[in-house]
């Protein structure tokens, strides 16, 4: 299987969290600011799709499922562009903290900065692009904005919103987690799409998405929702629930399973090796030699004869093949190469040098 194993993936999550502690405050803020509008596009498309009065009356489950199919476009753009989303930073930073690659202070710095950046970016997108831009000025759209915010915040209790938020970021962080295990763009998109679609179709609460839905209803004059009520009834329980969902049920669980105990200090990125095949339950037999066309003269028959006459080295020989088909022996992506830097792989309290120079501990 041409993908990172679960252990390799959570190791990468830990290194990404460590990397975020080295990012300058202003860059982290503006990178988080950009995540707000990107997720906002998905929120706006979802609201636009749900503005269907007949379906809301006769088939509410169907229209919610249909609208949920379009929401993941926001998270896909965030992941592929490298923007910082607070709810996924929960997973990255908590894993790095548990792995002793980040401190409580650096965790708090990244969480607060990304949260405020997401809020600023989302409010900018809500007010300027869709608010003053008149995207939802048509009465059917305006009514859906009001009704959606009412169903999100006024109808459920505080505890219900909190519990829904746990499930929401559980799925969002899991989507990002399995997208990291993917090694090319199409697989990353599919990995993100289905868990994100699931959380939206179930009506779960995501704190950054609600930064669009609820303020937009306030913008259009919902008399039952104010800023204070929004903070108490939506922002606080959703934030706490999202931290638990992503921090405990993704970061905490996979850190415990793969980064503690036996084998936790011997993680390699030999994607095509026998160890990877054993962990993911894939084929463990030697890969077949590939036919290579002789491009100089185009004589395919000569290539076939060379392959037929080729002898397979005996087991134990240095050239004996134990790699999987269609796999590299190296981390070929730019992210993979960058995250192999020793300053991101070093755990707190251990010595680290790069080219003979000491590296400051996290």
Protein backbone atom coordinates (compact mmCIF):
# COMPACT_ATOMS: atom_id res chain seq x y z
CA UNK A 1 0.00 0.00 0.00
CA UNK A 2 1.56 3.28 -1.12
CA UNK A 3 0.84 5.27 2.05
CA UNK A 4 2.33 6.03 5.42
CA UNK A 5 1.45 3.57 8.17
CA UNK A 6 -0.56 4.77 11.21
CA UNK A 7 2.64 4.92 13.28
CA UNK A 8 4.47 6.92 10.63
CA UNK A 9 1.47 9.23 10.28
CA UNK A 10 1.21 10.11 13.98
CA UNK A 11 4.99 10.64 13.99
CA UNK A 12 4.51 13.18 11.18
CA UNK A 13 1.66 14.79 13.14
CA UNK A 14 4.05 15.20 16.09
CA UNK A 15 6.74 16.74 13.88
CA UNK A 16 4.24 19.15 12.30
CA UNK A 17 3.20 20.24 15.78
CA UNK A 18 6.84 20.81 16.69
CA UNK A 19 7.35 22.79 13.48
CA UNK A 20 4.50 25.15 14.40
CA UNK A 21 6.35 26.13 17.58
CA UNK A 22 9.14 27.57 15.39
CA UNK A 23 6.82 29.74 13.26
CA UNK A 24 6.88 33.50 13.88
CA UNK A 25 3.78 34.90 15.59
CA UNK A 26 2.80 37.21 12.73
CA UNK A 27 3.12 34.47 10.11
CA UNK A 28 1.09 32.07 12.24
CA UNK A 29 -1.64 34.70 12.68
CA UNK A 30 -1.96 35.54 8.99
CA UNK A 31 -1.79 31.89 8.00
CA UNK A 32 -4.67 31.31 10.43
CA UNK A 33 -6.48 34.37 9.07
CA UNK A 34 -6.44 32.80 5.60
CA UNK A 35 -8.03 29.61 6.90
CA UNK A 36 -11.17 31.55 7.94
CA UNK A 37 -12.31 32.58 4.44
CA UNK A 38 -11.31 29.22 2.95
CA UNK A 39 -13.58 27.39 5.38
CA UNK A 40 -16.14 30.17 4.94
CA UNK A 41 -16.55 29.33 1.27
CA UNK A 42 -17.63 25.82 2.24
CA UNK A 43 -20.02 27.21 4.86
CA UNK A 44 -21.58 29.62 2.35
CA UNK A 45 -22.12 26.91 -0.27
CA UNK A 46 -23.71 24.72 2.38
CA UNK A 47 -26.17 27.47 3.41
CA UNK A 48 -26.97 28.24 -0.22
CA UNK A 49 -27.76 24.57 -0.90
CA UNK A 50 -29.98 24.26 2.18
CA UNK A 51 -32.11 27.25 1.12
CA UNK A 52 -34.77 24.94 -0.34
CA UNK A 53 -38.10 25.48 1.52
CA UNK A 54 -39.90 22.46 0.03
CA UNK A 55 -37.08 20.09 0.99
CA UNK A 56 -36.77 21.63 4.45
CA UNK A 57 -40.45 20.91 4.99
CA UNK A 58 -40.74 17.49 3.36
CA UNK A 59 -37.22 15.97 3.26
CA UNK A 60 -34.95 17.75 5.77
CA UNK A 61 -32.57 14.81 6.08
CA UNK A 62 -32.07 14.61 2.32
CA UNK A 63 -31.28 18.30 1.84
CA UNK A 64 -28.89 18.26 4.80
CA UNK A 65 -27.07 15.29 3.29
CA UNK A 66 -26.86 16.98 -0.10
CA UNK A 67 -25.52 20.22 1.38
CA UNK A 68 -22.99 18.28 3.45
CA UNK A 69 -21.45 16.97 0.22
CA UNK A 70 -20.19 20.48 -0.63
CA UNK A 71 -18.88 21.61 2.77
CA UNK A 72 -15.56 19.65 2.62
CA UNK A 73 -14.26 21.95 -0.13
CA UNK A 74 -13.28 24.41 2.62
CA UNK A 75 -11.18 21.94 4.60
CA UNK A 76 -9.62 20.60 1.39
CA UNK A 77 -8.42 24.09 0.44
CA UNK A 78 -7.06 24.62 3.96
CA UNK A 79 -5.09 21.37 4.00
CA UNK A 80 -3.70 21.69 0.48
CA UNK A 81 -2.68 25.34 1.00
CA UNK A 82 -1.13 24.72 4.43
CA UNK A 83 -3.36 27.24 6.26
CA UNK A 84 -3.69 26.97 10.04
CA UNK A 85 -7.05 25.85 11.39
CA UNK A 86 -7.46 25.99 15.17
CA UNK A 87 -9.32 22.69 15.39
CA UNK A 88 -6.61 20.76 13.56
CA UNK A 89 -3.88 22.60 15.47
CA UNK A 90 -5.45 20.97 18.53
CA UNK A 91 -4.36 17.59 17.16
CA UNK A 92 -0.91 18.73 16.02
CA UNK A 93 0.05 20.55 19.19
CA UNK A 94 -1.41 18.07 21.65
CA UNK A 95 0.48 15.23 19.96
CA UNK A 96 3.72 17.24 20.06
CA UNK A 97 3.11 18.01 23.74
CA UNK A 98 2.54 14.37 24.62
CA UNK A 99 5.61 13.43 22.57
CA UNK A 100 7.69 15.99 24.52
CA UNK A 101 8.41 18.11 21.45
CA UNK A 102 6.38 21.12 22.61
CA UNK A 103 5.73 22.87 25.92
CA UNK A 104 2.44 24.02 27.44
CA UNK A 105 3.43 27.60 26.67
CA UNK A 106 4.06 26.91 22.98
CA UNK A 107 0.82 24.91 22.78
CA UNK A 108 -1.15 27.81 24.28
CA UNK A 109 0.58 30.29 21.95
CA UNK A 110 -0.32 28.31 18.81
CA UNK A 111 -3.89 27.60 19.95
CA UNK A 112 -4.67 31.21 20.91
CA UNK A 113 -3.04 32.68 17.81
CA UNK A 114 -4.76 30.30 15.40
CA UNK A 115 -8.11 30.77 17.16
CA UNK A 116 -7.94 34.57 16.93
CA UNK A 117 -6.66 34.43 13.34
CA UNK A 118 -9.48 32.09 12.30
CA UNK A 119 -12.04 34.38 14.00
CA UNK A 120 -10.70 37.50 12.29
CA UNK A 121 -10.57 35.84 8.88
CA UNK A 122 -14.04 34.31 9.18
CA UNK A 123 -15.65 37.57 10.33
CA UNK A 124 -13.96 39.40 7.45
CA UNK A 125 -15.30 36.89 4.95
CA UNK A 126 -18.77 36.87 6.55
CA UNK A 127 -19.17 40.65 6.61
CA UNK A 128 -17.37 41.81 3.45
CA UNK A 129 -17.87 38.98 0.96
CA UNK A 130 -21.27 37.49 1.84
CA UNK A 131 -22.72 40.22 4.08
CA UNK A 132 -22.17 43.51 2.29
CA UNK A 133 -21.77 41.51 -0.90
CA UNK A 134 -25.46 40.61 -0.67
CA UNK A 135 -24.97 36.90 -1.29
CA UNK A 136 -27.97 35.98 0.89
CA UNK A 137 -30.21 38.99 0.22
CA UNK A 138 -32.92 36.89 -1.49
CA UNK A 139 -35.69 36.19 1.09
CA UNK A 140 -35.35 32.40 0.85
CA UNK A 141 -31.62 32.62 1.56
CA UNK A 142 -32.09 35.15 4.37
CA UNK A 143 -34.69 32.92 6.01
CA UNK A 144 -32.36 29.92 5.84
CA UNK A 145 -29.58 31.94 7.51
CA UNK A 146 -31.90 32.76 10.43
CA UNK A 147 -33.36 29.25 10.71
CA UNK A 148 -29.97 27.56 10.50
CA UNK A 149 -28.51 29.67 13.32
CA UNK A 150 -31.61 29.05 15.43
CA UNK A 151 -31.26 25.28 14.99
CA UNK A 152 -27.53 25.48 15.71
CA UNK A 153 -27.64 27.58 18.86
CA UNK A 154 -31.10 28.28 20.31
CA UNK A 155 -32.84 24.89 19.99
CA UNK A 156 -30.19 22.56 21.56
CA UNK A 157 -29.01 22.85 25.16
CA UNK A 158 -25.47 23.85 26.20
CA UNK A 159 -24.60 20.23 26.98
CA UNK A 160 -25.96 19.00 23.64
CA UNK A 161 -23.81 21.51 21.76
CA UNK A 162 -20.77 20.43 23.80
CA UNK A 163 -21.35 16.74 23.01
CA UNK A 164 -21.89 17.44 19.31
CA UNK A 165 -18.63 19.40 19.22
CA UNK A 166 -16.69 16.37 20.47
CA UNK A 167 -17.87 14.33 17.49
CA UNK A 168 -17.28 17.16 15.02
CA UNK A 169 -13.58 17.66 15.69
CA UNK A 170 -13.05 13.94 16.18
CA UNK A 171 -14.01 13.54 12.52
CA UNK A 172 -12.25 16.69 11.29
CA UNK A 173 -8.94 15.74 12.93
CA UNK A 174 -9.31 12.16 11.75
CA UNK A 175 -9.83 13.48 8.20
CA UNK A 176 -6.60 15.49 8.41
CA UNK A 177 -4.80 12.56 10.08
CA UNK A 178 -5.57 10.14 7.25
CA UNK A 179 -4.87 12.83 4.64
CA UNK A 180 -1.33 13.06 6.04
CA UNK A 181 -0.95 9.32 5.50
CA UNK A 182 -1.80 9.83 1.81
CA UNK A 183 1.08 10.62 -0.51
CA UNK A 184 -0.60 12.35 -3.45
CA UNK A 185 -3.32 14.98 -3.91
CA UNK A 186 -6.25 12.84 -5.12
CA UNK A 187 -5.93 10.51 -2.14
CA UNK A 188 -5.71 13.45 0.25
CA UNK A 189 -8.93 14.93 -1.16
CA UNK A 190 -10.81 11.65 -0.76
CA UNK A 191 -9.40 11.17 2.74
CA UNK A 192 -10.65 14.60 3.79
CA UNK A 193 -13.99 14.43 2.02
CA UNK A 194 -15.81 11.53 3.67
CA UNK A 195 -15.17 12.18 7.40
CA UNK A 196 -15.94 15.89 6.90
CA UNK A 197 -19.11 15.08 4.97
CA UNK A 198 -20.15 12.76 7.83
CA UNK A 199 -19.83 15.37 10.57
CA UNK A 200 -21.82 17.95 8.58
CA UNK A 201 -24.53 15.46 7.60
CA UNK A 202 -24.96 14.60 11.29
CA UNK A 203 -25.34 18.28 12.24
CA UNK A 204 -22.35 18.32 14.61
CA UNK A 205 -20.81 21.60 15.81
CA UNK A 206 -17.46 23.00 14.67
CA UNK A 207 -16.34 26.17 16.42
CA UNK A 208 -14.73 27.82 13.38
CA UNK A 209 -17.66 26.99 11.07
CA UNK A 210 -20.03 28.44 13.68
CA UNK A 211 -17.98 31.66 13.52
CA UNK A 212 -19.63 32.06 10.13
CA UNK A 213 -23.13 30.70 10.69
CA UNK A 214 -24.01 32.53 13.93
CA UNK A 215 -22.47 35.98 13.22
CA UNK A 216 -24.13 35.94 9.78
CA UNK A 217 -27.52 35.55 11.49
CA UNK A 218 -26.63 38.46 13.79
CA UNK A 219 -25.62 40.48 10.71
CA UNK A 220 -29.06 39.87 9.17
CA UNK A 221 -30.78 40.98 12.34
CA UNK A 222 -31.90 37.83 14.15
CA UNK A 223 -33.55 39.38 17.27
CA UNK A 224 -33.02 36.27 19.42
CA UNK A 225 -29.23 36.06 19.05
CA UNK A 226 -26.71 38.51 20.47
CA UNK A 227 -22.93 38.51 20.81
CA UNK A 228 -22.99 37.58 24.50
CA UNK A 229 -25.38 34.68 23.96
CA UNK A 230 -23.32 33.48 21.00
CA UNK A 231 -20.14 33.40 23.11
CA UNK A 232 -21.79 31.59 26.02
CA UNK A 233 -24.14 29.22 24.19
CA UNK A 234 -22.04 28.40 21.11
CA UNK A 235 -18.39 29.47 21.19
CA UNK A 236 -17.50 28.19 24.68
CA UNK A 237 -19.11 24.70 24.59
CA UNK A 238 -18.06 24.14 20.98
CA UNK A 239 -14.43 25.10 21.67
CA UNK A 240 -14.21 22.82 24.70
CA UNK A 241 -15.86 19.95 22.84
CA UNK A 242 -13.61 20.39 19.80
CA UNK A 243 -10.49 20.34 21.99
CA UNK A 244 -11.62 17.08 23.60
CA UNK A 245 -12.65 15.50 20.29
CA UNK A 246 -9.41 16.26 18.45
CA UNK A 247 -7.03 16.22 21.41
CA UNK A 248 -8.22 13.08 23.18
CA UNK A 249 -9.84 10.87 20.57
CA UNK A 250 -7.30 11.45 17.78
CA UNK A 251 -4.06 12.92 19.15
CA UNK A 252 -4.15 11.19 22.53
CA UNK A 253 -5.31 7.79 21.33
CA UNK A 254 -2.90 7.46 18.40
CA UNK A 255 0.00 8.82 20.46
CA UNK A 256 -0.70 6.14 23.05
CA UNK A 257 -1.07 3.37 20.47
CA UNK A 258 1.94 4.15 18.27
CA UNK A 259 4.34 6.50 20.05
CA UNK A 260 4.59 4.84 23.45
CA UNK A 261 5.97 1.48 24.51
CA UNK A 262 7.80 -1.07 22.40
CA UNK A 263 8.82 0.10 18.93
CA UNK A 264 7.97 3.76 19.55
CA UNK A 265 11.62 4.87 19.21
CA UNK A 266 12.32 2.95 16.00
CA UNK A 267 10.12 4.67 13.40
CA UNK A 268 11.46 4.68 9.86
CA UNK A 269 10.03 6.05 6.63
CA UNK A 270 11.05 3.16 4.43
CA UNK A 271 7.66 3.16 2.72
CA UNK A 272 8.50 0.26 0.45
CA UNK A 273 10.06 -1.93 3.13
CA UNK A 274 8.86 -5.19 4.58
CA UNK A 275 8.06 -3.55 7.93
CA UNK A 276 5.50 -1.27 6.28
CA UNK A 277 3.84 -4.20 4.57
CA UNK A 278 3.57 -6.14 7.82
CA UNK A 279 2.01 -3.24 9.71
CA UNK A 280 -0.66 -2.43 7.15
CA UNK A 281 -1.35 -6.08 6.35
CA UNK A 282 -0.26 -5.74 2.73
CA UNK A 283 1.65 -8.15 0.51
CA UNK A 284 5.02 -9.23 1.85
CA UNK A 285 6.40 -11.15 -1.11
CA UNK A 286 9.26 -9.77 -3.21
CA UNK A 287 8.19 -7.32 -5.89
CA UNK A 288 8.36 -8.43 -9.50
CA UNK A 289 11.03 -6.80 -11.67
CA UNK A 290 9.51 -4.27 -14.01
CA UNK A 291 9.84 -4.33 -17.77
CA UNK A 292 11.82 -1.32 -18.92
CA UNK A 293 11.57 -0.41 -22.59
CA UNK A 294 14.90 0.28 -24.22
CA UNK A 295 14.22 3.89 -25.23
CA UNK A 296 17.36 4.12 -27.40
CA UNK A 297 16.21 1.69 -30.11
CA UNK A 298 12.71 0.70 -28.96
CA UNK A 299 13.52 -3.01 -29.00
CA UNK A 300 11.01 -4.39 -26.50
CA UNK A 301 12.03 -8.01 -27.11
CA UNK A 302 15.55 -7.34 -25.91
CA UNK A 303 14.13 -5.85 -22.75
CA UNK A 304 11.97 -8.94 -22.19
CA UNK A 305 14.91 -11.29 -22.65
CA UNK A 306 17.01 -9.33 -20.19
CA UNK A 307 14.25 -9.56 -17.60
CA UNK A 308 13.75 -13.30 -18.18
CA UNK A 309 17.45 -14.03 -17.82
CA UNK A 310 17.73 -11.94 -14.66
CA UNK A 311 18.37 -14.06 -11.54
CA UNK A 312 16.76 -13.15 -8.24
CA UNK A 313 19.35 -12.81 -5.43
CA UNK A 314 19.05 -15.36 -2.65
CA UNK A 315 17.44 -14.40 0.63
CA UNK A 316 19.97 -12.68 2.86
CA UNK A 317 21.87 -11.25 -0.09
CA UNK A 318 22.22 -7.43 0.08
CA UNK A 319 20.36 -7.09 -3.23
CA UNK A 320 17.46 -9.32 -2.19
CA UNK A 321 14.20 -7.43 -2.87
CA UNK A 322 11.77 -6.97 -0.01
CA UNK A 323 10.16 -3.77 -1.28
CA UNK A 324 6.58 -3.31 -2.36
CA UNK A 325 5.56 -2.47 -5.93
CA UNK A 326 5.09 1.21 -6.80
CA UNK A 327 6.77 2.45 -3.62
CA UNK A 328 9.78 4.63 -3.00
CA UNK A 329 12.39 4.15 -0.31
CA UNK A 330 12.37 7.84 0.62
CA UNK A 331 9.95 10.52 1.70
CA UNK A 332 9.45 12.17 -1.67
CA UNK A 333 7.06 15.00 -0.77
CA UNK A 334 8.34 18.44 0.16
CA UNK A 335 6.65 18.17 3.56
CA UNK A 336 8.28 14.81 4.15
CA UNK A 337 11.75 16.06 3.35
CA UNK A 338 11.27 19.16 5.49
CA UNK A 339 9.98 17.22 8.49
CA UNK A 340 13.04 14.98 8.51
CA UNK A 341 15.02 17.96 9.81
CA UNK A 342 16.50 17.00 13.15
CA UNK A 343 15.08 20.02 14.99
CA UNK A 344 11.58 18.64 14.36
CA UNK A 345 12.41 15.02 15.18
CA UNK A 346 14.24 15.72 18.44
CA UNK A 347 12.31 15.17 21.67
CA UNK A 348 12.61 17.54 24.60
CA UNK A 349 15.53 16.80 26.87
CA UNK A 350 17.70 15.08 24.22
CA UNK A 351 20.74 16.49 22.48
CA UNK A 352 20.37 17.65 18.90
CA UNK A 353 22.81 18.94 16.33
CA UNK A 354 22.58 19.81 12.65
CA UNK A 355 25.83 19.90 10.70
CA UNK A 356 27.73 19.97 13.97
CA UNK A 357 25.82 22.99 15.36
CA UNK A 358 23.62 22.62 18.47
CA UNK A 359 19.89 23.13 17.95
CA UNK A 360 17.84 24.92 20.58
CA UNK A 361 15.49 22.62 22.44
CA UNK A 362 11.74 23.01 22.04
